[in-house]
PDB file of N, CA and C in Angstrom:
ATOM      1  N   MET A   1       8.420 -15.314   2.661  1.00  0.00           N
ATOM      2  CA  MET A   1       8.555 -14.844   1.154  1.00  0.00           C
ATOM      3  C   MET A   1       7.768 -13.425   1.313  1.00  0.00           C
ATOM      4  N   ARG A   2       8.161 -12.528   0.231  1.00  0.00           N
ATOM      5  CA  ARG A   2       7.694 -11.301  -0.027  1.00  0.00           C
ATOM      6  C   ARG A   2       6.505 -11.430  -0.953  1.00  0.00           C
ATOM      7  N   PRO A   3       5.198 -10.743  -0.377  1.00  0.00           N
ATOM      8  CA  PRO A   3       4.000 -10.891  -1.166  1.00  0.00           C
ATOM      9  C   PRO A   3       4.203 -10.164  -2.549  1.00  0.00           C
ATOM     10  N   ALA A   4       3.553 -10.710  -3.390  1.00  0.00           N
ATOM     11  CA  ALA A   4       3.463 -10.016  -4.815  1.00  0.00           C
ATOM     12  C   ALA A   4       2.462  -8.864  -4.807  1.00  0.00           C
ATOM     13  N   VAL A   5       3.180  -7.937  -5.609  1.00  0.00           N
ATOM     14  CA  VAL A   5       2.496  -6.441  -6.000  1.00  0.00           C
ATOM     15  C   VAL A   5       2.101  -6.607  -7.144  1.00  0.00           C
ATOM     16  N   HIS A   6       0.581  -6.450  -7.313  1.00  0.00           N
ATOM     17  CA  HIS A   6      -0.092  -6.554  -8.777  1.00  0.00           C
ATOM     18  C   HIS A   6      -0.225  -5.238  -9.411  1.00  0.00           C
ATOM     19  N   GLY A   7      -0.635  -5.195 -10.592  1.00  0.00           N
ATOM     20  CA  GLY A   7      -0.737  -3.839 -11.296  1.00  0.00           C
ATOM     21  C   GLY A   7       0.390  -3.558 -12.079  1.00  0.00           C
ATOM     22  N   PRO A   8       0.385  -2.164 -12.687  1.00  0.00           N
ATOM     23  CA  PRO A   8       1.549  -1.883 -13.544  1.00  0.00           C
ATOM     24  C   PRO A   8       2.778  -1.223 -12.636  1.00  0.00           C
ATOM     25  N   VAL A   9       3.173  -2.254 -11.919  1.00  0.00           N
ATOM     26  CA  VAL A   9       4.338  -1.987 -11.239  1.00  0.00           C
ATOM     27  C   VAL A   9       5.517  -1.634 -12.127  1.00  0.00           C
ATOM     28  N   VAL A  10       6.497  -0.596 -11.703  1.00  0.00           N
ATOM     29  CA  VAL A  10       7.662  -0.328 -12.632  1.00  0.00           C
ATOM     30  C   VAL A  10       8.882  -0.561 -12.264  1.00  0.00           C
ATOM     31  N   ASP A  11       8.898  -1.079 -10.808  1.00  0.00           N
ATOM     32  CA  ASP A  11      10.262  -1.566 -10.369  1.00  0.00           C
ATOM     33  C   ASP A  11       9.978  -2.457  -9.030  1.00  0.00           C
ATOM     34  N   ASP A  12      11.112  -2.804  -8.529  1.00  0.00           N
ATOM     35  CA  ASP A  12      11.055  -3.922  -7.459  1.00  0.00           C
ATOM     36  C   ASP A  12      10.734  -3.128  -5.988  1.00  0.00           C
ATOM     37  N   GLU A  13      10.335  -1.687  -5.969  1.00  0.00           N
ATOM     38  CA  GLU A  13      10.133  -1.328  -4.820  1.00  0.00           C
ATOM     39  C   GLU A  13       8.548  -0.711  -4.711  1.00  0.00           C
ATOM     40  N   ALA A  14       7.684  -1.344  -5.394  1.00  0.00           N
ATOM     41  CA  ALA A  14       6.173  -1.061  -5.527  1.00  0.00           C
ATOM     42  C   ALA A  14       5.853   0.181  -6.045  1.00  0.00           C
ATOM     43  N   ARG A  15       6.782   0.773  -6.768  1.00  0.00           N
ATOM     44  CA  ARG A  15       6.234   2.129  -7.561  1.00  0.00           C
ATOM     45  C   ARG A  15       5.579   1.698  -8.817  1.00  0.00           C
ATOM     46  N   CYS A  16       4.649   2.442  -9.161  1.00  0.00           N
ATOM     47  CA  CYS A  16       3.770   2.240 -10.513  1.00  0.00           C
ATOM     48  C   CYS A  16       3.567   3.285 -11.437  1.00  0.00           C
ATOM     49  N   ILE A  17       2.912   3.151 -12.325  1.00  0.00           N
ATOM     50  CA  ILE A  17       3.052   4.174 -13.452  1.00  0.00           C
ATOM     51  C   ILE A  17       2.389   5.519 -12.968  1.00  0.00           C
ATOM     52  N   HIS A  18       1.438   5.371 -11.789  1.00  0.00           N
ATOM     53  CA  HIS A  18       0.891   6.636 -11.502  1.00  0.00           C
ATOM     54  C   HIS A  18       1.702   7.424 -10.447  1.00  0.00           C
ATOM     55  N   TYR A  19       2.368   6.655  -9.482  1.00  0.00           N
ATOM     56  CA  TYR A  19       3.063   7.242  -8.559  1.00  0.00           C
ATOM     57  C   TYR A  19       4.445   6.625  -8.551  1.00  0.00           C
ATOM     58  N   ARG A  20       5.604   7.340  -8.868  1.00  0.00           N
ATOM     59  CA  ARG A  20       6.837   6.651  -8.924  1.00  0.00           C
ATOM     60  C   ARG A  20       8.143   7.509  -8.292  1.00  0.00           C
ATOM     61  N   THR A  21       7.757   8.548  -7.255  1.00  0.00           N
ATOM     62  CA  THR A  21       8.730   9.334  -6.713  1.00  0.00           C
ATOM     63  C   THR A  21       9.526   8.356  -5.904  1.00  0.00           C
ATOM     64  N   PRO A  22      10.606   8.698  -5.556  1.00  0.00           N
ATOM     65  CA  PRO A  22      11.441   8.168  -4.522  1.00  0.00           C
ATOM     66  C   PRO A  22      10.784   7.711  -3.060  1.00  0.00           C
ATOM     67  N   LEU A  23       9.662   8.575  -2.916  1.00  0.00           N
ATOM     68  CA  LEU A  23       8.762   8.191  -1.667  1.00  0.00           C
ATOM     69  C   LEU A  23       7.772   7.178  -1.843  1.00  0.00           C
ATOM     70  N   ASP A  24       7.538   6.951  -3.048  1.00  0.00           N
ATOM     71  CA  ASP A  24       6.248   6.092  -3.360  1.00  0.00           C
ATOM     72  C   ASP A  24       6.727   4.676  -3.388  1.00  0.00           C
ATOM     73  N   VAL A  25       7.054   4.116  -2.052  1.00  0.00           N
ATOM     74  CA  VAL A  25       7.476   2.799  -1.947  1.00  0.00           C
ATOM     75  C   VAL A  25       6.593   1.935  -1.011  1.00  0.00           C
ATOM     76  N   VAL A  26       5.321   2.161  -0.957  1.00  0.00           N
ATOM     77  CA  VAL A  26       4.339   1.445  -0.284  1.00  0.00           C
ATOM     78  C   VAL A  26       3.390   0.968  -1.286  1.00  0.00           C
ATOM     79  N   ALA A  27       2.812  -0.593  -0.777  1.00  0.00           N
ATOM     80  CA  ALA A  27       1.871  -1.134  -1.604  1.00  0.00           C
ATOM     81  C   ALA A  27       0.603  -1.395  -0.461  1.00  0.00           C
ATOM     82  N   ILE A  28      -0.438  -1.331  -0.922  1.00  0.00           N
ATOM     83  CA  ILE A  28      -1.742  -1.524  -0.023  1.00  0.00           C
ATOM     84  C   ILE A  28      -2.233  -3.074  -0.300  1.00  0.00           C
ATOM     85  N   ARG A  29      -2.484  -3.719   0.666  1.00  0.00           N
ATOM     86  CA  ARG A  29      -3.235  -4.865   0.602  1.00  0.00           C
ATOM     87  C   ARG A  29      -4.806  -4.267   0.758  1.00  0.00           C
ATOM     88  N   PHE A  30      -5.580  -4.727  -0.535  1.00  0.00           N
ATOM     89  CA  PHE A  30      -7.046  -4.256  -0.535  1.00  0.00           C
ATOM     90  C   PHE A  30      -7.993  -5.273   0.175  1.00  0.00           C
ATOM     91  N   ALA A  31      -8.832  -4.630   1.093  1.00  0.00           N
ATOM     92  CA  ALA A  31      -9.751  -5.489   1.821  1.00  0.00           C
ATOM     93  C   ALA A  31     -10.641  -6.286   1.005  1.00  0.00           C
ATOM     94  N   CYS A  32     -10.895  -5.932  -0.208  1.00  0.00           N
ATOM     95  CA  CYS A  32     -11.904  -6.694  -1.219  1.00  0.00           C
ATOM     96  C   CYS A  32     -11.290  -7.897  -1.808  1.00  0.00           C
ATOM     97  N   CYS A  33     -10.088  -7.862  -1.947  1.00  0.00           N
ATOM     98  CA  CYS A  33      -9.447  -9.278  -2.379  1.00  0.00           C
ATOM     99  C   CYS A  33      -8.040  -9.695  -1.814  1.00  0.00           C
ATOM    100  N   GLY A  34      -7.698  -8.984  -0.865  1.00  0.00           N
ATOM    101  CA  GLY A  34      -6.280  -9.537  -0.004  1.00  0.00           C
ATOM    102  C   GLY A  34      -5.182  -9.340  -0.772  1.00  0.00           C
ATOM    103  N   GLU A  35      -5.166  -8.648  -2.111  1.00  0.00           N
ATOM    104  CA  GLU A  35      -4.021  -8.441  -2.806  1.00  0.00           C
ATOM    105  C   GLU A  35      -3.310  -7.109  -2.821  1.00  0.00           C
ATOM    106  N   TYR A  36      -2.061  -7.112  -2.935  1.00  0.00           N
ATOM    107  CA  TYR A  36      -1.291  -5.815  -2.736  1.00  0.00           C
ATOM    108  C   TYR A  36      -1.283  -5.061  -4.152  1.00  0.00           C
ATOM    109  N   TYR A  37      -1.511  -3.886  -4.148  1.00  0.00           N
ATOM    110  CA  TYR A  37      -1.368  -2.987  -5.343  1.00  0.00           C
ATOM    111  C   TYR A  37      -0.672  -1.800  -4.805  1.00  0.00           C
ATOM    112  N   PRO A  38       0.086  -1.110  -5.732  1.00  0.00           N
ATOM    113  CA  PRO A  38       0.822  -0.007  -5.346  1.00  0.00           C
ATOM    114  C   PRO A  38      -0.271   1.246  -5.162  1.00  0.00           C
ATOM    115  N   CYS A  39      -1.364   1.111  -5.789  1.00  0.00           N
ATOM    116  CA  CYS A  39      -2.276   2.474  -5.624  1.00  0.00           C
ATOM    117  C   CYS A  39      -3.649   2.046  -5.917  1.00  0.00           C
ATOM    118  N   HIS A  40      -4.628   2.932  -5.687  1.00  0.00           N
ATOM    119  CA  HIS A  40      -6.038   2.631  -5.948  1.00  0.00           C
ATOM    120  C   HIS A  40      -6.187   2.689  -7.354  1.00  0.00           C
ATOM    121  N   ARG A  41      -5.485   3.408  -8.089  1.00  0.00           N
ATOM    122  CA  ARG A  41      -5.809   3.399  -9.619  1.00  0.00           C
ATOM    123  C   ARG A  41      -5.230   2.037 -10.210  1.00  0.00           C
ATOM    124  N   CYS A  42      -4.101   1.651  -9.637  1.00  0.00           N
ATOM    125  CA  CYS A  42      -3.636   0.372 -10.118  1.00  0.00           C
ATOM    126  C   CYS A  42      -4.707  -0.804 -10.091  1.00  0.00           C
ATOM    127  N   HIS A  43      -5.398  -0.862  -8.711  1.00  0.00           N
ATOM    128  CA  HIS A  43      -6.365  -1.593  -8.500  1.00  0.00           C
ATOM    129  C   HIS A  43      -7.482  -1.554  -9.386  1.00  0.00           C
ATOM    130  N   ASP A  44      -7.868  -0.367  -9.620  1.00  0.00           N
ATOM    131  CA  ASP A  44      -9.295  -0.040 -10.335  1.00  0.00           C
ATOM    132  C   ASP A  44      -8.808  -0.492 -11.845  1.00  0.00           C
ATOM    133  N   GLU A  45      -7.796  -0.167 -12.287  1.00  0.00           N
ATOM    134  CA  GLU A  45      -7.377  -0.476 -13.696  1.00  0.00           C
ATOM    135  C   GLU A  45      -7.342  -1.976 -13.934  1.00  0.00           C
ATOM    136  N   THR A  46      -6.900  -2.764 -13.015  1.00  0.00           N
ATOM    137  CA  THR A  46      -6.398  -4.021 -13.256  1.00  0.00           C
ATOM    138  C   THR A  46      -7.210  -5.337 -12.645  1.00  0.00           C
ATOM    139  N   ALA A  47      -7.926  -4.979 -11.426  1.00  0.00           N
ATOM    140  CA  ALA A  47      -8.756  -5.964 -10.799  1.00  0.00           C
ATOM    141  C   ALA A  47     -10.085  -6.097 -11.413  1.00  0.00           C
ATOM    142  N   ASP A  48     -10.786  -7.371 -11.218  1.00  0.00           N
ATOM    143  CA  ASP A  48     -12.042  -7.611 -11.962  1.00  0.00           C
ATOM    144  C   ASP A  48     -13.018  -7.110 -10.991  1.00  0.00           C
ATOM    145  N   HIS A  49     -13.127  -6.395 -10.109  1.00  0.00           N
ATOM    146  CA  HIS A  49     -13.971  -5.861  -8.980  1.00  0.00           C
ATOM    147  C   HIS A  49     -13.778  -4.623  -8.547  1.00  0.00           C
ATOM    148  N   PRO A  50     -14.672  -4.145  -7.875  1.00  0.00           N
ATOM    149  CA  PRO A  50     -14.366  -2.775  -7.261  1.00  0.00           C
ATOM    150  C   PRO A  50     -13.722  -2.852  -6.060  1.00  0.00           C
ATOM    151  N   SER A  51     -12.996  -1.761  -5.770  1.00  0.00           N
ATOM    152  CA  SER A  51     -12.179  -1.812  -4.554  1.00  0.00           C
ATOM    153  C   SER A  51     -13.142  -1.381  -3.347  1.00  0.00           C
ATOM    154  N   ARG A  52     -12.616  -1.781  -2.224  1.00  0.00           N
ATOM    155  CA  ARG A  52     -13.338  -1.695  -0.843  1.00  0.00           C
ATOM    156  C   ARG A  52     -12.330  -1.347   0.149  1.00  0.00           C
ATOM    157  N   PRO A  53     -12.516  -0.105   0.922  1.00  0.00           N
ATOM    158  CA  PRO A  53     -11.543   0.034   1.808  1.00  0.00           C
ATOM    159  C   PRO A  53     -11.773  -1.032   3.205  1.00  0.00           C
ATOM    160  N   TRP A  54     -10.732  -1.039   4.133  1.00  0.00           N
ATOM    161  CA  TRP A  54     -10.670  -1.826   5.119  1.00  0.00           C
ATOM    162  C   TRP A  54     -11.799  -1.232   6.075  1.00  0.00           C
ATOM    163  N   PRO A  55     -12.642  -1.985   6.676  1.00  0.00           N
ATOM    164  CA  PRO A  55     -13.560  -1.296   7.760  1.00  0.00           C
ATOM    165  C   PRO A  55     -12.947  -0.785   8.900  1.00  0.00           C
ATOM    166  N   ALA A  56     -13.614   0.204   9.567  1.00  0.00           N
ATOM    167  CA  ALA A  56     -13.204   0.697  10.742  1.00  0.00           C
ATOM    168  C   ALA A  56     -12.825  -0.688  11.740  1.00  0.00           C
ATOM    169  N   GLY A  57     -11.986  -0.443  12.528  1.00  0.00           N
ATOM    170  CA  GLY A  57     -11.784  -1.623  13.453  1.00  0.00           C
ATOM    171  C   GLY A  57     -10.841  -2.703  12.926  1.00  0.00           C
ATOM    172  N   SER A  58     -10.222  -2.454  11.850  1.00  0.00           N
ATOM    173  CA  SER A  58      -9.219  -3.441  11.195  1.00  0.00           C
ATOM    174  C   SER A  58      -7.798  -2.961  11.518  1.00  0.00           C
ATOM    175  N   ASP A  59      -7.515  -2.002  12.354  1.00  0.00           N
ATOM    176  CA  ASP A  59      -6.075  -1.560  12.682  1.00  0.00           C
ATOM    177  C   ASP A  59      -5.100  -2.581  12.876  1.00  0.00           C
ATOM    178  N   HIS A  60      -5.643  -3.956  13.351  1.00  0.00           N
ATOM    179  CA  HIS A  60      -4.717  -4.853  13.448  1.00  0.00           C
ATOM    180  C   HIS A  60      -4.204  -5.689  12.162  1.00  0.00           C
ATOM    181  N   GLU A  61      -4.770  -5.385  11.075  1.00  0.00           N
ATOM    182  CA  GLU A  61      -4.815  -6.075   9.810  1.00  0.00           C
ATOM    183  C   GLU A  61      -3.304  -5.496   9.173  1.00  0.00           C
ATOM    184  N   LEU A  62      -2.480  -6.554   8.794  1.00  0.00           N
ATOM    185  CA  LEU A  62      -1.454  -6.351   7.821  1.00  0.00           C
ATOM    186  C   LEU A  62      -1.865  -6.032   6.688  1.00  0.00           C
ATOM    187  N   ALA A  63      -1.557  -4.615   6.188  1.00  0.00           N
ATOM    188  CA  ALA A  63      -2.371  -4.273   4.977  1.00  0.00           C
ATOM    189  C   ALA A  63      -1.291  -3.277   4.130  1.00  0.00           C
ATOM    190  N   VAL A  64      -0.324  -3.025   4.704  1.00  0.00           N
ATOM    191  CA  VAL A  64       0.769  -2.124   4.233  1.00  0.00           C
ATOM    192  C   VAL A  64       2.071  -2.792   4.090  1.00  0.00           C
ATOM    193  N   LEU A  65       2.703  -2.748   2.844  1.00  0.00           N
ATOM    194  CA  LEU A  65       3.849  -3.410   2.422  1.00  0.00           C
ATOM    195  C   LEU A  65       4.844  -2.251   2.099  1.00  0.00           C
ATOM    196  N   CYS A  66       6.083  -2.417   2.806  1.00  0.00           N
ATOM    197  CA  CYS A  66       7.346  -1.363   2.356  1.00  0.00           C
ATOM    198  C   CYS A  66       7.847  -2.034   1.173  1.00  0.00           C
ATOM    199  N   GLY A  67       7.873  -1.303   0.114  1.00  0.00           N
ATOM    200  CA  GLY A  67       8.466  -1.807  -1.085  1.00  0.00           C
ATOM    201  C   GLY A  67      10.119  -1.935  -1.193  1.00  0.00           C
ATOM    202  N   VAL A  68      10.596  -1.304  -0.092  1.00  0.00           N
ATOM    203  CA  VAL A  68      12.056  -1.352   0.094  1.00  0.00           C
ATOM    204  C   VAL A  68      12.578  -2.732   0.730  1.00  0.00           C
ATOM    205  N   CYS A  69      11.989  -2.969   1.738  1.00  0.00           N
ATOM    206  CA  CYS A  69      12.468  -4.210   2.593  1.00  0.00           C
ATOM    207  C   CYS A  69      11.360  -5.378   2.629  1.00  0.00           C
ATOM    208  N   GLY A  70      10.133  -5.031   2.156  1.00  0.00           N
ATOM    209  CA  GLY A  70       9.081  -6.173   2.153  1.00  0.00           C
ATOM    210  C   GLY A  70       8.472  -6.432   3.540  1.00  0.00           C
ATOM    211  N   THR A  71       8.564  -5.451   4.516  1.00  0.00           N
ATOM    212  CA  THR A  71       7.943  -5.611   5.803  1.00  0.00           C
ATOM    213  C   THR A  71       6.572  -5.368   5.534  1.00  0.00           C
ATOM    214  N   GLU A  72       5.701  -6.178   5.968  1.00  0.00           N
ATOM    215  CA  GLU A  72       4.289  -5.584   6.146  1.00  0.00           C
ATOM    216  C   GLU A  72       3.943  -5.044   7.478  1.00  0.00           C
ATOM    217  N   LEU A  73       3.204  -3.843   7.391  1.00  0.00           N
ATOM    218  CA  LEU A  73       2.732  -3.195   8.519  1.00  0.00           C
ATOM    219  C   LEU A  73       1.342  -3.212   8.810  1.00  0.00           C
ATOM    220  N   THR A  74       0.902  -3.256   9.987  1.00  0.00           N
ATOM    221  CA  THR A  74      -0.504  -3.045  10.452  1.00  0.00           C
ATOM    222  C   THR A  74      -1.074  -1.639   9.892  1.00  0.00           C
ATOM    223  N   ILE A  75      -2.228  -1.638   9.690  1.00  0.00           N
ATOM    224  CA  ILE A  75      -2.971  -0.319   9.577  1.00  0.00           C
ATOM    225  C   ILE A  75      -2.620   0.785  10.580  1.00  0.00           C
ATOM    226  N   ALA A  76      -2.592   0.303  11.787  1.00  0.00           N
ATOM    227  CA  ALA A  76      -2.220   1.147  12.965  1.00  0.00           C
ATOM    228  C   ALA A  76      -0.680   1.553  13.023  1.00  0.00           C
ATOM    229  N   SER A  77       0.207   0.840  12.641  1.00  0.00           N
ATOM    230  CA  SER A  77       1.554   1.183  12.427  1.00  0.00           C
ATOM    231  C   SER A  77       1.868   1.945  11.170  1.00  0.00           C
ATOM    232  N   TYR A  78       1.202   1.718  10.229  1.00  0.00           N
ATOM    233  CA  TYR A  78       1.482   2.595   9.017  1.00  0.00           C
ATOM    234  C   TYR A  78       0.840   4.106   9.481  1.00  0.00           C
ATOM    235  N   ARG A  79      -0.428   4.295   9.986  1.00  0.00           N
ATOM    236  CA  ARG A  79      -0.994   5.353  10.181  1.00  0.00           C
ATOM    237  C   ARG A  79      -0.162   6.366  10.889  1.00  0.00           C
ATOM    238  N   GLY A  80       0.738   6.047  11.897  1.00  0.00           N
ATOM    239  CA  GLY A  80       1.548   6.763  12.578  1.00  0.00           C
ATOM    240  C   GLY A  80       3.047   6.977  12.019  1.00  0.00           C
ATOM    241  N   ALA A  81       3.255   6.227  10.888  1.00  0.00           N
ATOM    242  CA  ALA A  81       4.658   6.200  10.326  1.00  0.00           C
ATOM    243  C   ALA A  81       4.692   7.158   8.994  1.00  0.00           C
ATOM    244  N   ASP A  82       5.976   7.724   9.267  1.00  0.00           N
ATOM    245  CA  ASP A  82       6.372   8.566   8.001  1.00  0.00           C
ATOM    246  C   ASP A  82       7.579   7.753   7.205  1.00  0.00           C
ATOM    247  N   ALA A  83       7.968   6.669   7.922  1.00  0.00           N
ATOM    248  CA  ALA A  83       9.131   5.905   7.244  1.00  0.00           C
ATOM    249  C   ALA A  83       8.834   4.346   7.735  1.00  0.00           C
ATOM    250  N   CYS A  84       9.423   3.538   7.147  1.00  0.00           N
ATOM    251  CA  CYS A  84       9.388   2.019   7.563  1.00  0.00           C
ATOM    252  C   CYS A  84      10.027   1.975   8.912  1.00  0.00           C
ATOM    253  N   PRO A  85       9.364   1.286   9.704  1.00  0.00           N
ATOM    254  CA  PRO A  85      10.059   1.057  11.066  1.00  0.00           C
ATOM    255  C   PRO A  85      11.228  -0.039  11.065  1.00  0.00           C
ATOM    256  N   ARG A  86      11.325  -0.838   9.944  1.00  0.00           N
ATOM    257  CA  ARG A  86      12.449  -1.719   9.813  1.00  0.00           C
ATOM    258  C   ARG A  86      13.544  -1.145   9.088  1.00  0.00           C
ATOM    259  N   CYS A  87      13.528  -0.595   7.902  1.00  0.00           N
ATOM    260  CA  CYS A  87      14.434  -0.259   7.045  1.00  0.00           C
ATOM    261  C   CYS A  87      14.630   1.464   6.973  1.00  0.00           C
ATOM    262  N   ALA A  88      13.761   2.149   7.589  1.00  0.00           N
ATOM    263  CA  ALA A  88      13.747   3.555   7.773  1.00  0.00           C
ATOM    264  C   ALA A  88      13.541   4.333   6.350  1.00  0.00           C
ATOM    265  N   ALA A  89      13.090   3.538   5.275  1.00  0.00           N
ATOM    266  CA  ALA A  89      12.640   4.045   3.962  1.00  0.00           C
ATOM    267  C   ALA A  89      11.532   5.100   4.145  1.00  0.00           C
ATOM    268  N   PRO A  90      11.703   6.218   3.976  1.00  0.00           N
ATOM    269  CA  PRO A  90      10.789   7.274   3.863  1.00  0.00           C
ATOM    270  C   PRO A  90       9.532   7.074   3.069  1.00  0.00           C
ATOM    271  N   PHE A  91       8.185   7.302   3.589  1.00  0.00           N
ATOM    272  CA  PHE A  91       6.860   7.014   2.888  1.00  0.00           C
ATOM    273  C   PHE A  91       6.416   8.387   2.384  1.00  0.00           C
ATOM    274  N   ASN A  92       5.700   8.432   1.336  1.00  0.00           N
ATOM    275  CA  ASN A  92       5.092   9.540   0.971  1.00  0.00           C
ATOM    276  C   ASN A  92       3.979  10.120   1.570  1.00  0.00           C
ATOM    277  N   PRO A  93       4.243  11.166   2.418  1.00  0.00           N
ATOM    278  CA  PRO A  93       3.146  11.742   3.266  1.00  0.00           C
ATOM    279  C   PRO A  93       1.786  12.182   2.402  1.00  0.00           C
ATOM    280  N   ARG A  94       1.962  12.400   1.184  1.00  0.00           N
ATOM    281  CA  ARG A  94       0.863  12.518   0.456  1.00  0.00           C
ATOM    282  C   ARG A  94      -0.004  11.423   0.153  1.00  0.00           C
ATOM    283  N   CYS A  95       0.061  10.194   0.547  1.00  0.00           N
ATOM    284  CA  CYS A  95      -0.591   9.268   0.508  1.00  0.00           C
ATOM    285  C   CYS A  95      -1.865   9.417   1.438  1.00  0.00           C
ATOM    286  N   ALA A  96      -1.715  10.221   2.423  1.00  0.00           N
ATOM    287  CA  ALA A  96      -2.662  10.689   3.286  1.00  0.00           C
ATOM    288  C   ALA A  96      -3.890  11.123   2.528  1.00  0.00           C
ATOM    289  N   LEU A  97      -3.741  11.797   1.451  1.00  0.00           N
ATOM    290  CA  LEU A  97      -4.826  12.152   0.640  1.00  0.00           C
ATOM    291  C   LEU A  97      -5.808  11.047   0.117  1.00  0.00           C
ATOM    292  N   HIS A  98      -5.106  10.030   0.111  1.00  0.00           N
ATOM    293  CA  HIS A  98      -6.018   8.797  -0.405  1.00  0.00           C
ATOM    294  C   HIS A  98      -6.458   7.908   0.589  1.00  0.00           C
ATOM    295  N   TYR A  99      -6.060   8.184   1.855  1.00  0.00           N
ATOM    296  CA  TYR A  99      -6.275   7.218   2.917  1.00  0.00           C
ATOM    297  C   TYR A  99      -7.729   6.740   3.112  1.00  0.00           C
ATOM    298  N   PRO A 100      -8.732   7.587   2.835  1.00  0.00           N
ATOM    299  CA  PRO A 100     -10.119   6.829   2.977  1.00  0.00           C
ATOM    300  C   PRO A 100     -10.338   6.025   1.948  1.00  0.00           C
ATOM    301  N   LEU A 101      -9.730   5.948   0.761  1.00  0.00           N
ATOM    302  CA  LEU A 101      -9.888   5.028  -0.380  1.00  0.00           C
ATOM    303  C   LEU A 101      -9.317   3.770   0.143  1.00  0.00           C
ATOM    304  N   TYR A 102      -8.419   3.715   1.217  1.00  0.00           N
ATOM    305  CA  TYR A 102      -7.849   2.383   1.505  1.00  0.00           C
ATOM    306  C   TYR A 102      -8.395   1.839   2.872  1.00  0.00           C
ATOM    307  N   PHE A 103      -8.558   2.873   3.836  1.00  0.00           N
ATOM    308  CA  PHE A 103      -8.771   2.531   5.237  1.00  0.00           C
ATOM    309  C   PHE A 103     -10.074   3.199   5.733  1.00  0.00           C
ATOM    310  N   GLY A 104     -11.062   2.668   6.336  1.00  0.00           N
ATOM    311  CA  GLY A 104     -12.269   3.226   6.821  1.00  0.00           C
ATOM    312  C   GLY A 104     -12.070   4.210   8.113  1.00  0.00           C
TER     313      GLY A 104
END
């Protein structure tokens, strides 16, 4: 079963009101609550707690969801990917600008 994506999601591929280009198809499972959100802003605006990045050494955690096919990726596999390894949907390389907000 595909995990739920929380926050102001605008389509079935995990795009949100903040980021909705064709490449914005990733949701992040936040370490603080274990819930998927499309972006840090969605979490900050709708969760009842502050966000917390995954700590160093969490590379084995399933923490990234491909919004196109629903595949969950580990932090390590996401770090090296520019597209989903299952469906080849391209990911937004600018997410790297926010990487420290999600992963330690």
